[in-house]
Amino acid sequence: DIAIENASMVVLNFTLQFLEPSERQALLDKIYQGLNPGGALVLSEKFSFEDAKVGELLFNMHHDFKRANG
């Protein structure tokens, strides 16, 4: 358990997926309380779609982008 105080920015990079769904909101609330006014939370997570075609489309677009940009 880490205290979050006086934070200008907090970065959660593929973190919430490792917490139980019931624990996620408490962490986000704790981060919010520890942010300075005007502070920022940068959040990136994996996500899935109920429609497999949408997921496949985004997967392919992502790989096309990576190929085109090295």
PDB file of N, CA and C in Angstrom:
ATOM      1  N   ASP A   1       0.852  -1.174   0.000  1.00  0.00           N
ATOM      2  CA  ASP A   1       0.000   0.000   0.000  1.00  0.00           C
ATOM      3  C   ASP A   1       0.894   1.232   0.000  1.00  0.00           C
ATOM      4  N   ILE A   2       0.740   2.065  -0.995  1.00  0.00           N
ATOM      5  CA  ILE A   2       1.571   3.247  -1.168  1.00  0.00           C
ATOM      6  C   ILE A   2       0.714   4.490  -0.977  1.00  0.00           C
ATOM      7  N   ALA A   3       1.250   5.447  -0.222  1.00  0.00           N
ATOM      8  CA  ALA A   3       0.552   6.720  -0.055  1.00  0.00           C
ATOM      9  C   ALA A   3       0.727   7.548  -1.323  1.00  0.00           C
ATOM     10  N   ILE A   4      -0.338   8.128  -1.782  1.00  0.00           N
ATOM     11  CA  ILE A   4      -0.288   9.012  -2.947  1.00  0.00           C
ATOM     12  C   ILE A   4      -0.690  10.394  -2.456  1.00  0.00           C
ATOM     13  N   GLU A   5       0.306  11.282  -2.405  1.00  0.00           N
ATOM     14  CA  GLU A   5       0.084  12.629  -1.894  1.00  0.00           C
ATOM     15  C   GLU A   5       0.842  13.629  -2.753  1.00  0.00           C
ATOM     16  N   ASN A   6       0.278  14.804  -2.919  1.00  0.00           N
ATOM     17  CA  ASN A   6       0.968  15.904  -3.596  1.00  0.00           C
ATOM     18  C   ASN A   6       1.470  15.493  -4.979  1.00  0.00           C
ATOM     19  N   ALA A   7       0.665  14.757  -5.716  1.00  0.00           N
ATOM     20  CA  ALA A   7       1.076  14.229  -7.026  1.00  0.00           C
ATOM     21  C   ALA A   7       0.604  15.151  -8.145  1.00  0.00           C
ATOM     22  N   SER A   8       1.538  15.512  -9.017  1.00  0.00           N
ATOM     23  CA  SER A   8       1.178  16.276 -10.211  1.00  0.00           C
ATOM     24  C   SER A   8       0.697  15.351 -11.314  1.00  0.00           C
ATOM     25  N   MET A   9       1.262  14.124 -11.328  1.00  0.00           N
ATOM     26  CA  MET A   9       0.876  13.140 -12.341  1.00  0.00           C
ATOM     27  C   MET A   9       1.052  11.738 -11.766  1.00  0.00           C
ATOM     28  N   VAL A  10       0.118  10.886 -12.081  1.00  0.00           N
ATOM     29  CA  VAL A  10       0.210   9.464 -11.757  1.00  0.00           C
ATOM     30  C   VAL A  10       0.009   8.707 -13.060  1.00  0.00           C
ATOM     31  N   VAL A  11       0.868   7.711 -13.308  1.00  0.00           N
ATOM     32  CA  VAL A  11       0.778   6.902 -14.520  1.00  0.00           C
ATOM     33  C   VAL A  11       0.440   5.472 -14.123  1.00  0.00           C
ATOM     34  N   LEU A  12      -0.652   4.951 -14.658  1.00  0.00           N
ATOM     35  CA  LEU A  12      -1.026   3.543 -14.498  1.00  0.00           C
ATOM     36  C   LEU A  12      -0.948   2.919 -15.879  1.00  0.00           C
ATOM     37  N   ASN A  13       0.075   2.126 -16.099  1.00  0.00           N
ATOM     38  CA  ASN A  13       0.305   1.522 -17.406  1.00  0.00           C
ATOM     39  C   ASN A  13       0.059   0.018 -17.304  1.00  0.00           C
ATOM     40  N   PHE A  14      -1.087  -0.426 -17.785  1.00  0.00           N
ATOM     41  CA  PHE A  14      -1.473  -1.838 -17.741  1.00  0.00           C
ATOM     42  C   PHE A  14      -1.399  -2.381 -16.312  1.00  0.00           C
ATOM     43  N   THR A  15      -2.056  -1.674 -15.393  1.00  0.00           N
ATOM     44  CA  THR A  15      -2.014  -2.006 -13.970  1.00  0.00           C
ATOM     45  C   THR A  15      -3.344  -2.543 -13.459  1.00  0.00           C
ATOM     46  N   LEU A  16      -4.433  -1.881 -13.804  1.00  0.00           N
ATOM     47  CA  LEU A  16      -5.736  -2.242 -13.236  1.00  0.00           C
ATOM     48  C   LEU A  16      -6.131  -3.679 -13.539  1.00  0.00           C
ATOM     49  N   GLN A  17      -5.653  -4.209 -14.657  1.00  0.00           N
ATOM     50  CA  GLN A  17      -6.020  -5.577 -15.032  1.00  0.00           C
ATOM     51  C   GLN A  17      -5.548  -6.613 -14.011  1.00  0.00           C
ATOM     52  N   PHE A  18      -4.579  -6.240 -13.177  1.00  0.00           N
ATOM     53  CA  PHE A  18      -4.053  -7.173 -12.189  1.00  0.00           C
ATOM     54  C   PHE A  18      -4.752  -7.056 -10.840  1.00  0.00           C
ATOM     55  N   LEU A  19      -5.697  -6.140 -10.737  1.00  0.00           N
ATOM     56  CA  LEU A  19      -6.487  -5.992  -9.518  1.00  0.00           C
ATOM     57  C   LEU A  19      -7.853  -6.626  -9.712  1.00  0.00           C
ATOM     58  N   GLU A  20      -8.412  -7.074  -8.614  1.00  0.00           N
ATOM     59  CA  GLU A  20      -9.787  -7.562  -8.660  1.00  0.00           C
ATOM     60  C   GLU A  20     -10.691  -6.399  -9.066  1.00  0.00           C
ATOM     61  N   PRO A  21     -11.708  -6.669  -9.877  1.00  0.00           N
ATOM     62  CA  PRO A  21     -12.608  -5.577 -10.272  1.00  0.00           C
ATOM     63  C   PRO A  21     -13.142  -4.777  -9.081  1.00  0.00           C
ATOM     64  N   SER A  22     -13.389  -5.450  -7.970  1.00  0.00           N
ATOM     65  CA  SER A  22     -13.922  -4.764  -6.789  1.00  0.00           C
ATOM     66  C   SER A  22     -12.907  -3.825  -6.136  1.00  0.00           C
ATOM     67  N   GLU A  23     -11.620  -3.950  -6.461  1.00  0.00           N
ATOM     68  CA  GLU A  23     -10.568  -3.118  -5.864  1.00  0.00           C
ATOM     69  C   GLU A  23     -10.189  -1.921  -6.738  1.00  0.00           C
ATOM     70  N   ARG A  24     -10.601  -1.916  -7.975  1.00  0.00           N
ATOM     71  CA  ARG A  24     -10.139  -0.899  -8.929  1.00  0.00           C
ATOM     72  C   ARG A  24     -10.624   0.500  -8.580  1.00  0.00           C
ATOM     73  N   GLN A  25     -11.888   0.637  -8.254  1.00  0.00           N
ATOM     74  CA  GLN A  25     -12.427   1.969  -7.960  1.00  0.00           C
ATOM     75  C   GLN A  25     -11.744   2.573  -6.744  1.00  0.00           C
ATOM     76  N   ALA A  26     -11.462   1.762  -5.729  1.00  0.00           N
ATOM     77  CA  ALA A  26     -10.793   2.278  -4.531  1.00  0.00           C
ATOM     78  C   ALA A  26      -9.425   2.850  -4.880  1.00  0.00           C
ATOM     79  N   LEU A  27      -8.683   2.191  -5.760  1.00  0.00           N
ATOM     80  CA  LEU A  27      -7.378   2.704  -6.179  1.00  0.00           C
ATOM     81  C   LEU A  27      -7.539   4.018  -6.934  1.00  0.00           C
ATOM     82  N   LEU A  28      -8.482   4.070  -7.859  1.00  0.00           N
ATOM     83  CA  LEU A  28      -8.702   5.305  -8.615  1.00  0.00           C
ATOM     84  C   LEU A  28      -9.128   6.452  -7.696  1.00  0.00           C
ATOM     85  N   ASP A  29      -9.956   6.157  -6.699  1.00  0.00           N
ATOM     86  CA  ASP A  29     -10.362   7.182  -5.734  1.00  0.00           C
ATOM     87  C   ASP A  29      -9.159   7.679  -4.940  1.00  0.00           C
ATOM     88  N   LYS A  30      -8.292   6.761  -4.530  1.00  0.00           N
ATOM     89  CA  LYS A  30      -7.090   7.112  -3.772  1.00  0.00           C
ATOM     90  C   LYS A  30      -6.169   8.003  -4.608  1.00  0.00           C
ATOM     91  N   ILE A  31      -6.004   7.662  -5.866  1.00  0.00           N
ATOM     92  CA  ILE A  31      -5.178   8.482  -6.760  1.00  0.00           C
ATOM     93  C   ILE A  31      -5.795   9.870  -6.897  1.00  0.00           C
ATOM     94  N   TYR A  32      -7.092   9.925  -7.118  1.00  0.00           N
ATOM     95  CA  TYR A  32      -7.780  11.213  -7.270  1.00  0.00           C
ATOM     96  C   TYR A  32      -7.568  12.089  -6.039  1.00  0.00           C
ATOM     97  N   GLN A  33      -7.688  11.498  -4.865  1.00  0.00           N
ATOM     98  CA  GLN A  33      -7.517  12.255  -3.622  1.00  0.00           C
ATOM     99  C   GLN A  33      -6.082  12.757  -3.465  1.00  0.00           C
ATOM    100  N   GLY A  34      -5.103  12.035  -4.031  1.00  0.00           N
ATOM    101  CA  GLY A  34      -3.701  12.411  -3.897  1.00  0.00           C
ATOM    102  C   GLY A  34      -3.183  13.346  -4.967  1.00  0.00           C
ATOM    103  N   LEU A  35      -3.997  13.625  -5.980  1.00  0.00           N
ATOM    104  CA  LEU A  35      -3.569  14.525  -7.051  1.00  0.00           C
ATOM    105  C   LEU A  35      -3.685  15.983  -6.615  1.00  0.00           C
ATOM    106  N   ASN A  36      -2.705  16.776  -7.030  1.00  0.00           N
ATOM    107  CA  ASN A  36      -2.789  18.223  -6.849  1.00  0.00           C
ATOM    108  C   ASN A  36      -3.890  18.768  -7.752  1.00  0.00           C
ATOM    109  N   PRO A  37      -4.443  19.936  -7.424  1.00  0.00           N
ATOM    110  CA  PRO A  37      -5.388  20.568  -8.351  1.00  0.00           C
ATOM    111  C   PRO A  37      -4.735  20.730  -9.725  1.00  0.00           C
ATOM    112  N   GLY A  38      -5.426  20.320 -10.749  1.00  0.00           N
ATOM    113  CA  GLY A  38      -4.870  20.366 -12.100  1.00  0.00           C
ATOM    114  C   GLY A  38      -3.979  19.186 -12.422  1.00  0.00           C
ATOM    115  N   GLY A  39      -3.815  18.256 -11.471  1.00  0.00           N
ATOM    116  CA  GLY A  39      -2.992  17.068 -11.706  1.00  0.00           C
ATOM    117  C   GLY A  39      -3.642  16.139 -12.710  1.00  0.00           C
ATOM    118  N   ALA A  40      -2.863  15.150 -13.158  1.00  0.00           N
ATOM    119  CA  ALA A  40      -3.352  14.266 -14.221  1.00  0.00           C
ATOM    120  C   ALA A  40      -3.097  12.804 -13.887  1.00  0.00           C
ATOM    121  N   LEU A  41      -4.025  11.980 -14.289  1.00  0.00           N
ATOM    122  CA  LEU A  41      -3.858  10.531 -14.281  1.00  0.00           C
ATOM    123  C   LEU A  41      -3.735  10.096 -15.729  1.00  0.00           C
ATOM    124  N   VAL A  42      -2.632   9.429 -16.051  1.00  0.00           N
ATOM    125  CA  VAL A  42      -2.438   8.858 -17.382  1.00  0.00           C
ATOM    126  C   VAL A  42      -2.696   7.368 -17.235  1.00  0.00           C
ATOM    127  N   LEU A  43      -3.697   6.875 -17.923  1.00  0.00           N
ATOM    128  CA  LEU A  43      -4.162   5.501 -17.750  1.00  0.00           C
ATOM    129  C   LEU A  43      -4.175   4.787 -19.090  1.00  0.00           C
ATOM    130  N   SER A  44      -3.509   3.641 -19.151  1.00  0.00           N
ATOM    131  CA  SER A  44      -3.592   2.798 -20.350  1.00  0.00           C
ATOM    132  C   SER A  44      -3.899   1.382 -19.895  1.00  0.00           C
ATOM    133  N   GLU A  45      -4.785   0.740 -20.600  1.00  0.00           N
ATOM    134  CA  GLU A  45      -5.211  -0.617 -20.261  1.00  0.00           C
ATOM    135  C   GLU A  45      -5.564  -1.384 -21.520  1.00  0.00           C
ATOM    136  N   LYS A  46      -5.493  -2.682 -21.404  1.00  0.00           N
ATOM    137  CA  LYS A  46      -6.019  -3.546 -22.455  1.00  0.00           C
ATOM    138  C   LYS A  46      -7.544  -3.536 -22.338  1.00  0.00           C
ATOM    139  N   PHE A  47      -8.205  -3.747 -23.441  1.00  0.00           N
ATOM    140  CA  PHE A  47      -9.656  -3.872 -23.394  1.00  0.00           C
ATOM    141  C   PHE A  47     -10.093  -4.814 -24.501  1.00  0.00           C
ATOM    142  N   SER A  48     -11.278  -5.319 -24.347  1.00  0.00           N
ATOM    143  CA  SER A  48     -11.804  -6.240 -25.353  1.00  0.00           C
ATOM    144  C   SER A  48     -13.221  -5.795 -25.720  1.00  0.00           C
ATOM    145  N   PHE A  49     -13.667  -6.305 -26.846  1.00  0.00           N
ATOM    146  CA  PHE A  49     -14.993  -5.970 -27.347  1.00  0.00           C
ATOM    147  C   PHE A  49     -15.838  -7.234 -27.410  1.00  0.00           C
ATOM    148  N   GLU A  50     -17.107  -7.086 -27.163  1.00  0.00           N
ATOM    149  CA  GLU A  50     -18.006  -8.230 -27.280  1.00  0.00           C
ATOM    150  C   GLU A  50     -18.047  -8.730 -28.713  1.00  0.00           C
ATOM    151  N   ASP A  51     -17.975  -7.815 -29.660  1.00  0.00           N
ATOM    152  CA  ASP A  51     -17.978  -8.176 -31.074  1.00  0.00           C
ATOM    153  C   ASP A  51     -16.545  -8.472 -31.504  1.00  0.00           C
ATOM    154  N   ALA A  52     -16.238  -9.725 -31.769  1.00  0.00           N
ATOM    155  CA  ALA A  52     -14.882 -10.140 -32.131  1.00  0.00           C
ATOM    156  C   ALA A  52     -14.383  -9.439 -33.389  1.00  0.00           C
ATOM    157  N   LYS A  53     -15.284  -9.086 -34.282  1.00  0.00           N
ATOM    158  CA  LYS A  53     -14.871  -8.400 -35.514  1.00  0.00           C
ATOM    159  C   LYS A  53     -14.275  -7.022 -35.216  1.00  0.00           C
ATOM    160  N   VAL A  54     -14.827  -6.328 -34.238  1.00  0.00           N
ATOM    161  CA  VAL A  54     -14.289  -5.022 -33.854  1.00  0.00           C
ATOM    162  C   VAL A  54     -12.888  -5.196 -33.274  1.00  0.00           C
ATOM    163  N   GLY A  55     -12.715  -6.172 -32.399  1.00  0.00           N
ATOM    164  CA  GLY A  55     -11.403  -6.446 -31.828  1.00  0.00           C
ATOM    165  C   GLY A  55     -10.382  -6.804 -32.887  1.00  0.00           C
ATOM    166  N   GLU A  56     -10.776  -7.629 -33.836  1.00  0.00           N
ATOM    167  CA  GLU A  56      -9.872  -8.021 -34.919  1.00  0.00           C
ATOM    168  C   GLU A  56      -9.502  -6.814 -35.779  1.00  0.00           C
ATOM    169  N   LEU A  57     -10.469  -5.955 -36.063  1.00  0.00           N
ATOM    170  CA  LEU A  57     -10.202  -4.758 -36.859  1.00  0.00           C
ATOM    171  C   LEU A  57      -9.175  -3.862 -36.162  1.00  0.00           C
ATOM    172  N   LEU A  58      -9.366  -3.600 -34.873  1.00  0.00           N
ATOM    173  CA  LEU A  58      -8.428  -2.749 -34.147  1.00  0.00           C
ATOM    174  C   LEU A  58      -7.054  -3.396 -34.034  1.00  0.00           C
ATOM    175  N   PHE A  59      -7.005  -4.692 -33.826  1.00  0.00           N
ATOM    176  CA  PHE A  59      -5.735  -5.424 -33.783  1.00  0.00           C
ATOM    177  C   PHE A  59      -4.992  -5.249 -35.104  1.00  0.00           C
ATOM    178  N   ASN A  60      -5.683  -5.438 -36.206  1.00  0.00           N
ATOM    179  CA  ASN A  60      -5.053  -5.302 -37.525  1.00  0.00           C
ATOM    180  C   ASN A  60      -4.618  -3.865 -37.796  1.00  0.00           C
ATOM    181  N   MET A  61      -5.437  -2.905 -37.413  1.00  0.00           N
ATOM    182  CA  MET A  61      -5.057  -1.503 -37.599  1.00  0.00           C
ATOM    183  C   MET A  61      -3.803  -1.166 -36.791  1.00  0.00           C
ATOM    184  N   HIS A  62      -3.728  -1.673 -35.587  1.00  0.00           N
ATOM    185  CA  HIS A  62      -2.560  -1.436 -34.732  1.00  0.00           C
ATOM    186  C   HIS A  62      -1.300  -2.009 -35.367  1.00  0.00           C
ATOM    187  N   HIS A  63      -1.386  -3.226 -35.872  1.00  0.00           N
ATOM    188  CA  HIS A  63      -0.211  -3.845 -36.500  1.00  0.00           C
ATOM    189  C   HIS A  63       0.146  -3.160 -37.817  1.00  0.00           C
ATOM    190  N   ASP A  64      -0.830  -2.718 -38.563  1.00  0.00           N
ATOM    191  CA  ASP A  64      -0.548  -1.942 -39.778  1.00  0.00           C
ATOM    192  C   ASP A  64       0.192  -0.653 -39.425  1.00  0.00           C
ATOM    193  N   PHE A  65      -0.239   0.008 -38.379  1.00  0.00           N
ATOM    194  CA  PHE A  65       0.422   1.236 -37.936  1.00  0.00           C
ATOM    195  C   PHE A  65       1.870   0.955 -37.540  1.00  0.00           C
ATOM    196  N   LYS A  66       2.086  -0.116 -36.776  1.00  0.00           N
ATOM    197  CA  LYS A  66       3.454  -0.452 -36.351  1.00  0.00           C
ATOM    198  C   LYS A  66       4.346  -0.763 -37.549  1.00  0.00           C
ATOM    199  N   ARG A  67       3.820  -1.504 -38.519  1.00  0.00           N
ATOM    200  CA  ARG A  67       4.611  -1.820 -39.718  1.00  0.00           C
ATOM    201  C   ARG A  67       4.957  -0.552 -40.497  1.00  0.00           C
ATOM    202  N   ALA A  68       4.014   0.344 -40.611  1.00  0.00           N
ATOM    203  CA  ALA A  68       4.219   1.563 -41.397  1.00  0.00           C
ATOM    204  C   ALA A  68       5.162   2.554 -40.714  1.00  0.00           C
ATOM    205  N   ASN A  69       5.277   2.450 -39.394  1.00  0.00           N
ATOM    206  CA  ASN A  69       6.059   3.441 -38.654  1.00  0.00           C
ATOM    207  C   ASN A  69       7.282   2.864 -37.955  1.00  0.00           C
ATOM    208  N   GLY A  70       7.634   1.641 -38.305  1.00  0.00           N
ATOM    209  CA  GLY A  70       8.840   1.041 -37.724  1.00  0.00           C
ATOM    210  C   GLY A  70       8.597   0.583 -36.354  1.00  0.00           C
TER     211      GLY A  70
END
